[in-house]
Amino acid sequence: MIDTPQIVQADAQLTAVIRFTIPRDEMKTVIAPAITEVMEAVAAQKVGPAGPVFEHHFQMAADRFDFEVGVPVSAPFAPVGRVTPSHLPAATVARTIYYGAYDGLSDGWAWFGRWIANARYTAAPDLWECYLVGPESSHNAIYWRTELNRPLMNPV
């Protein structure tokens, strides 16, 4: 299930992240360790997490992803190991909530992309998803919620 999308203004948000440019099939092996590493780093500096874990994708080719895994922080973050400061940009975005297991996210994004095109918006090349409720909160995937954000190049 997916909520009716809305057009909203997203504020810029300081973040702590690990960036990857990897083959698509490696994603599942790098995400969990990266989340752990980011959470430990922001906790040690007492700046977060100040929001949910997210993935910010810069480019998604058929076989390769260029993306960051991170969390918002409440103050500037000093780099430690692979964890570096970054930000989610201020932007006008199409936003919706996807409900369900992560293996259905690609279908959710496809539907969302069609909605954006049918509404006559032009999506920017990047996107991000915030994991609002996931397996850490419930073993039943019907309760999982992922916020989908797609910046728009021609907002009204």
C-alpha atoms as a PDB file:
ATOM      1  CA  MET A   1       0.000   0.000   0.000  1.00  0.00           C
ATOM      2  CA  ILE A   2       1.099   3.547  -0.675  1.00  0.00           C
ATOM      3  CA  ASP A   3      -0.361   6.843   0.546  1.00  0.00           C
ATOM      4  CA  THR A   4      -1.564   9.572  -1.790  1.00  0.00           C
ATOM      5  CA  PRO A   5       1.575  11.596  -2.596  1.00  0.00           C
ATOM      6  CA  GLN A   6       1.947  15.210  -1.508  1.00  0.00           C
ATOM      7  CA  ILE A   7       4.168  18.033  -2.716  1.00  0.00           C
ATOM      8  CA  VAL A   8       6.083  19.469   0.250  1.00  0.00           C
ATOM      9  CA  GLN A   9       9.062  21.684   0.969  1.00  0.00           C
ATOM     10  CA  ALA A  10      11.842  19.636   2.607  1.00  0.00           C
ATOM     11  CA  ASP A  11      14.273  21.607   4.747  1.00  0.00           C
ATOM     12  CA  ALA A  12      17.997  20.937   4.513  1.00  0.00           C
ATOM     13  CA  GLN A  13      19.121  18.462   7.164  1.00  0.00           C
ATOM     14  CA  LEU A  14      22.638  17.815   8.472  1.00  0.00           C
ATOM     15  CA  THR A  15      23.509  14.131   8.313  1.00  0.00           C
ATOM     16  CA  ALA A  16      26.231  11.607   9.077  1.00  0.00           C
ATOM     17  CA  VAL A  17      26.667   9.047   6.307  1.00  0.00           C
ATOM     18  CA  ILE A  18      28.707   6.381   4.612  1.00  0.00           C
ATOM     19  CA  ARG A  19      28.733   6.735   0.825  1.00  0.00           C
ATOM     20  CA  PHE A  20      28.862   3.782  -1.546  1.00  0.00           C
ATOM     21  CA  THR A  21      29.184   3.298  -5.281  1.00  0.00           C
ATOM     22  CA  ILE A  22      28.644  -0.420  -5.652  1.00  0.00           C
ATOM     23  CA  PRO A  23      27.053  -3.076  -7.838  1.00  0.00           C
ATOM     24  CA  ARG A  24      23.332  -3.401  -7.125  1.00  0.00           C
ATOM     25  CA  ASP A  25      23.697  -6.964  -5.835  1.00  0.00           C
ATOM     26  CA  GLU A  26      26.049  -5.827  -3.020  1.00  0.00           C
ATOM     27  CA  MET A  27      23.487  -3.520  -1.397  1.00  0.00           C
ATOM     28  CA  LYS A  28      22.047  -6.107   0.977  1.00  0.00           C
ATOM     29  CA  THR A  29      25.496  -6.925   2.365  1.00  0.00           C
ATOM     30  CA  VAL A  30      26.620  -3.351   3.087  1.00  0.00           C
ATOM     31  CA  ILE A  31      23.482  -1.732   4.556  1.00  0.00           C
ATOM     32  CA  ALA A  32      23.270  -3.326   8.030  1.00  0.00           C
ATOM     33  CA  PRO A  33      26.981  -2.903   8.888  1.00  0.00           C
ATOM     34  CA  ALA A  34      26.864   0.702   7.613  1.00  0.00           C
ATOM     35  CA  ILE A  35      23.844   1.531   9.778  1.00  0.00           C
ATOM     36  CA  THR A  36      25.589   0.099  12.837  1.00  0.00           C
ATOM     37  CA  GLU A  37      28.753   2.075  12.083  1.00  0.00           C
ATOM     38  CA  VAL A  38      26.857   5.350  11.554  1.00  0.00           C
ATOM     39  CA  MET A  39      24.762   4.884  14.725  1.00  0.00           C
ATOM     40  CA  GLU A  40      27.864   4.229  16.838  1.00  0.00           C
ATOM     41  CA  ALA A  41      29.629   7.297  15.403  1.00  0.00           C
ATOM     42  CA  VAL A  42      26.757   9.743  15.991  1.00  0.00           C
ATOM     43  CA  ALA A  43      26.116   8.356  19.486  1.00  0.00           C
ATOM     44  CA  ALA A  44      29.804   8.771  20.389  1.00  0.00           C
ATOM     45  CA  GLN A  45      29.660  12.434  19.323  1.00  0.00           C
ATOM     46  CA  LYS A  46      26.255  12.902  21.022  1.00  0.00           C
ATOM     47  CA  VAL A  47      24.677  14.410  17.884  1.00  0.00           C
ATOM     48  CA  GLY A  48      22.164  11.765  16.951  1.00  0.00           C
ATOM     49  CA  PRO A  49      20.392  10.109  15.555  1.00  0.00           C
ATOM     50  CA  ALA A  50      18.047  13.077  15.108  1.00  0.00           C
ATOM     51  CA  GLY A  51      15.699  11.183  12.792  1.00  0.00           C
ATOM     52  CA  PRO A  52      15.245   7.910  10.961  1.00  0.00           C
ATOM     53  CA  VAL A  53      17.856   5.983   9.003  1.00  0.00           C
ATOM     54  CA  PHE A  54      17.761   6.869   5.305  1.00  0.00           C
ATOM     55  CA  GLU A  55      19.327   6.075   1.955  1.00  0.00           C
ATOM     56  CA  HIS A  56      20.012   9.021  -0.357  1.00  0.00           C
ATOM     57  CA  HIS A  57      20.509   7.772  -3.909  1.00  0.00           C
ATOM     58  CA  PHE A  58      22.385  10.042  -6.317  1.00  0.00           C
ATOM     59  CA  GLN A  59      22.302   7.761  -9.342  1.00  0.00           C
ATOM     60  CA  MET A  60      20.765   4.370  -9.938  1.00  0.00           C
ATOM     61  CA  ALA A  61      21.942   2.581 -13.027  1.00  0.00           C
ATOM     62  CA  ALA A  62      20.582  -0.851 -13.834  1.00  0.00           C
ATOM     63  CA  ASP A  63      23.671  -2.511 -12.349  1.00  0.00           C
ATOM     64  CA  ARG A  64      25.194   0.122 -10.003  1.00  0.00           C
ATOM     65  CA  PHE A  65      24.059   2.342  -7.114  1.00  0.00           C
ATOM     66  CA  ASP A  66      25.676   5.591  -5.951  1.00  0.00           C
ATOM     67  CA  PHE A  67      24.156   6.352  -2.544  1.00  0.00           C
ATOM     68  CA  GLU A  68      24.624   7.305   1.105  1.00  0.00           C
ATOM     69  CA  VAL A  69      23.333   5.455   4.160  1.00  0.00           C
ATOM     70  CA  GLY A  70      22.953   7.677   7.186  1.00  0.00           C
ATOM     71  CA  VAL A  71      20.953   9.477   9.823  1.00  0.00           C
ATOM     72  CA  PRO A  72      20.091  13.112  10.481  1.00  0.00           C
ATOM     73  CA  VAL A  73      22.189  14.757  13.201  1.00  0.00           C
ATOM     74  CA  SER A  74      21.399  17.623  15.557  1.00  0.00           C
ATOM     75  CA  ALA A  75      24.756  19.404  15.203  1.00  0.00           C
ATOM     76  CA  PRO A  76      27.775  19.346  12.876  1.00  0.00           C
ATOM     77  CA  PHE A  77      29.446  15.956  12.764  1.00  0.00           C
ATOM     78  CA  ALA A  78      33.226  15.356  12.697  1.00  0.00           C
ATOM     79  CA  PRO A  79      34.330  12.557  10.333  1.00  0.00           C
ATOM     80  CA  VAL A  80      35.325   9.283  11.954  1.00  0.00           C
ATOM     81  CA  GLY A  81      36.387   6.217   9.961  1.00  0.00           C
ATOM     82  CA  ARG A  82      34.088   5.816   6.966  1.00  0.00           C
ATOM     83  CA  VAL A  83      31.405   8.059   8.484  1.00  0.00           C
ATOM     84  CA  THR A  84      31.421  11.584   7.088  1.00  0.00           C
ATOM     85  CA  PRO A  85      29.231  14.675   7.365  1.00  0.00           C
ATOM     86  CA  SER A  86      26.716  15.302   4.607  1.00  0.00           C
ATOM     87  CA  HIS A  87      23.194  16.658   4.238  1.00  0.00           C
ATOM     88  CA  LEU A  88      19.816  16.023   2.740  1.00  0.00           C
ATOM     89  CA  PRO A  89      19.082  19.013   0.493  1.00  0.00           C
ATOM     90  CA  ALA A  90      16.375  21.608   0.856  1.00  0.00           C
ATOM     91  CA  ALA A  91      14.012  20.911  -2.020  1.00  0.00           C
ATOM     92  CA  THR A  92      10.449  20.769  -3.165  1.00  0.00           C
ATOM     93  CA  VAL A  93       9.719  17.048  -3.129  1.00  0.00           C
ATOM     94  CA  ALA A  94       6.971  14.648  -3.979  1.00  0.00           C
ATOM     95  CA  ARG A  95       6.538  12.564  -0.829  1.00  0.00           C
ATOM     96  CA  THR A  96       4.559   9.482   0.071  1.00  0.00           C
ATOM     97  CA  ILE A  97       4.602   6.640   2.558  1.00  0.00           C
ATOM     98  CA  TYR A  98       5.020   3.048   1.381  1.00  0.00           C
ATOM     99  CA  TYR A  99       3.668   0.322   3.701  1.00  0.00           C
ATOM    100  CA  GLY A 100       5.143  -3.149   3.672  1.00  0.00           C
ATOM    101  CA  ALA A 101       8.234  -5.275   3.232  1.00  0.00           C
ATOM    102  CA  TYR A 102      11.329  -3.841   1.603  1.00  0.00           C
ATOM    103  CA  ASP A 103      11.163  -6.307  -1.279  1.00  0.00           C
ATOM    104  CA  GLY A 104       8.116  -4.361  -2.534  1.00  0.00           C
ATOM    105  CA  LEU A 105       9.876  -1.000  -2.526  1.00  0.00           C
ATOM    106  CA  SER A 106      10.853  -1.167  -6.200  1.00  0.00           C
ATOM    107  CA  ASP A 107       7.173  -1.565  -7.149  1.00  0.00           C
ATOM    108  CA  GLY A 108       6.299   1.295  -4.803  1.00  0.00           C
ATOM    109  CA  TRP A 109       8.908   3.529  -6.428  1.00  0.00           C
ATOM    110  CA  ALA A 110       7.651   2.555  -9.902  1.00  0.00           C
ATOM    111  CA  TRP A 111       4.077   3.507  -8.983  1.00  0.00           C
ATOM    112  CA  PHE A 112       5.327   6.748  -7.386  1.00  0.00           C
ATOM    113  CA  GLY A 113       7.339   7.589 -10.521  1.00  0.00           C
ATOM    114  CA  ARG A 114       4.247   7.139 -12.682  1.00  0.00           C
ATOM    115  CA  TRP A 115       2.254   9.378 -10.316  1.00  0.00           C
ATOM    116  CA  ILE A 116       4.927  12.102 -10.591  1.00  0.00           C
ATOM    117  CA  ALA A 117       4.922  11.884 -14.408  1.00  0.00           C
ATOM    118  CA  ASN A 118       1.105  11.841 -14.617  1.00  0.00           C
ATOM    119  CA  ALA A 119       1.004  14.939 -12.412  1.00  0.00           C
ATOM    120  CA  ARG A 120       3.317  16.586 -14.994  1.00  0.00           C
ATOM    121  CA  TYR A 121       6.290  16.995 -12.686  1.00  0.00           C
ATOM    122  CA  THR A 122       9.870  16.307 -13.678  1.00  0.00           C
ATOM    123  CA  ALA A 123      11.799  14.325 -11.080  1.00  0.00           C
ATOM    124  CA  ALA A 124      15.375  15.270 -10.248  1.00  0.00           C
ATOM    125  CA  PRO A 125      17.952  12.479 -10.626  1.00  0.00           C
ATOM    126  CA  ASP A 126      18.289  11.865  -6.878  1.00  0.00           C
ATOM    127  CA  LEU A 127      15.853  10.460  -4.329  1.00  0.00           C
ATOM    128  CA  TRP A 128      15.828   9.366  -0.719  1.00  0.00           C
ATOM    129  CA  GLU A 129      13.891   6.958   1.431  1.00  0.00           C
ATOM    130  CA  CYS A 130      13.543   7.205   5.215  1.00  0.00           C
ATOM    131  CA  TYR A 131      12.861   4.035   7.190  1.00  0.00           C
ATOM    132  CA  LEU A 132      10.183   5.172   9.658  1.00  0.00           C
ATOM    133  CA  VAL A 133       9.167   1.736  10.979  1.00  0.00           C
ATOM    134  CA  GLY A 134      11.024  -1.443  10.106  1.00  0.00           C
ATOM    135  CA  PRO A 135      12.132  -4.829  11.398  1.00  0.00           C
ATOM    136  CA  GLU A 136      13.665  -3.259  14.510  1.00  0.00           C
ATOM    137  CA  SER A 137      10.127  -2.223  15.577  1.00  0.00           C
ATOM    138  CA  SER A 138       7.974  -5.108  14.331  1.00  0.00           C
ATOM    139  CA  HIS A 139       8.589  -8.555  12.909  1.00  0.00           C
ATOM    140  CA  ASN A 140       5.402  -8.208  10.870  1.00  0.00           C
ATOM    141  CA  ALA A 141       6.236  -6.374   7.621  1.00  0.00           C
ATOM    142  CA  ILE A 142       2.675  -5.078   7.192  1.00  0.00           C
ATOM    143  CA  TYR A 143       3.561  -2.492   9.871  1.00  0.00           C
ATOM    144  CA  TRP A 144       6.755  -1.282   8.187  1.00  0.00           C
ATOM    145  CA  ARG A 145       6.642   2.267   6.786  1.00  0.00           C
ATOM    146  CA  THR A 146       9.121   3.856   4.394  1.00  0.00           C
ATOM    147  CA  GLU A 147       8.908   7.521   3.415  1.00  0.00           C
ATOM    148  CA  LEU A 148       9.704   8.044  -0.290  1.00  0.00           C
ATOM    149  CA  ASN A 149      11.055  11.459  -1.330  1.00  0.00           C
ATOM    150  CA  ARG A 150      11.669  12.571  -4.908  1.00  0.00           C
ATOM    151  CA  PRO A 151      12.933  16.139  -5.503  1.00  0.00           C
ATOM    152  CA  LEU A 152      11.169  17.924  -8.330  1.00  0.00           C
ATOM    153  CA  MET A 153      12.849  19.998 -11.025  1.00  0.00           C
ATOM    154  CA  ASN A 154       9.667  21.879 -11.971  1.00  0.00           C
ATOM    155  CA  PRO A 155       7.611  22.365  -8.797  1.00  0.00           C
ATOM    156  CA  VAL A 156       4.435  24.403  -9.077  1.00  0.00           C
END
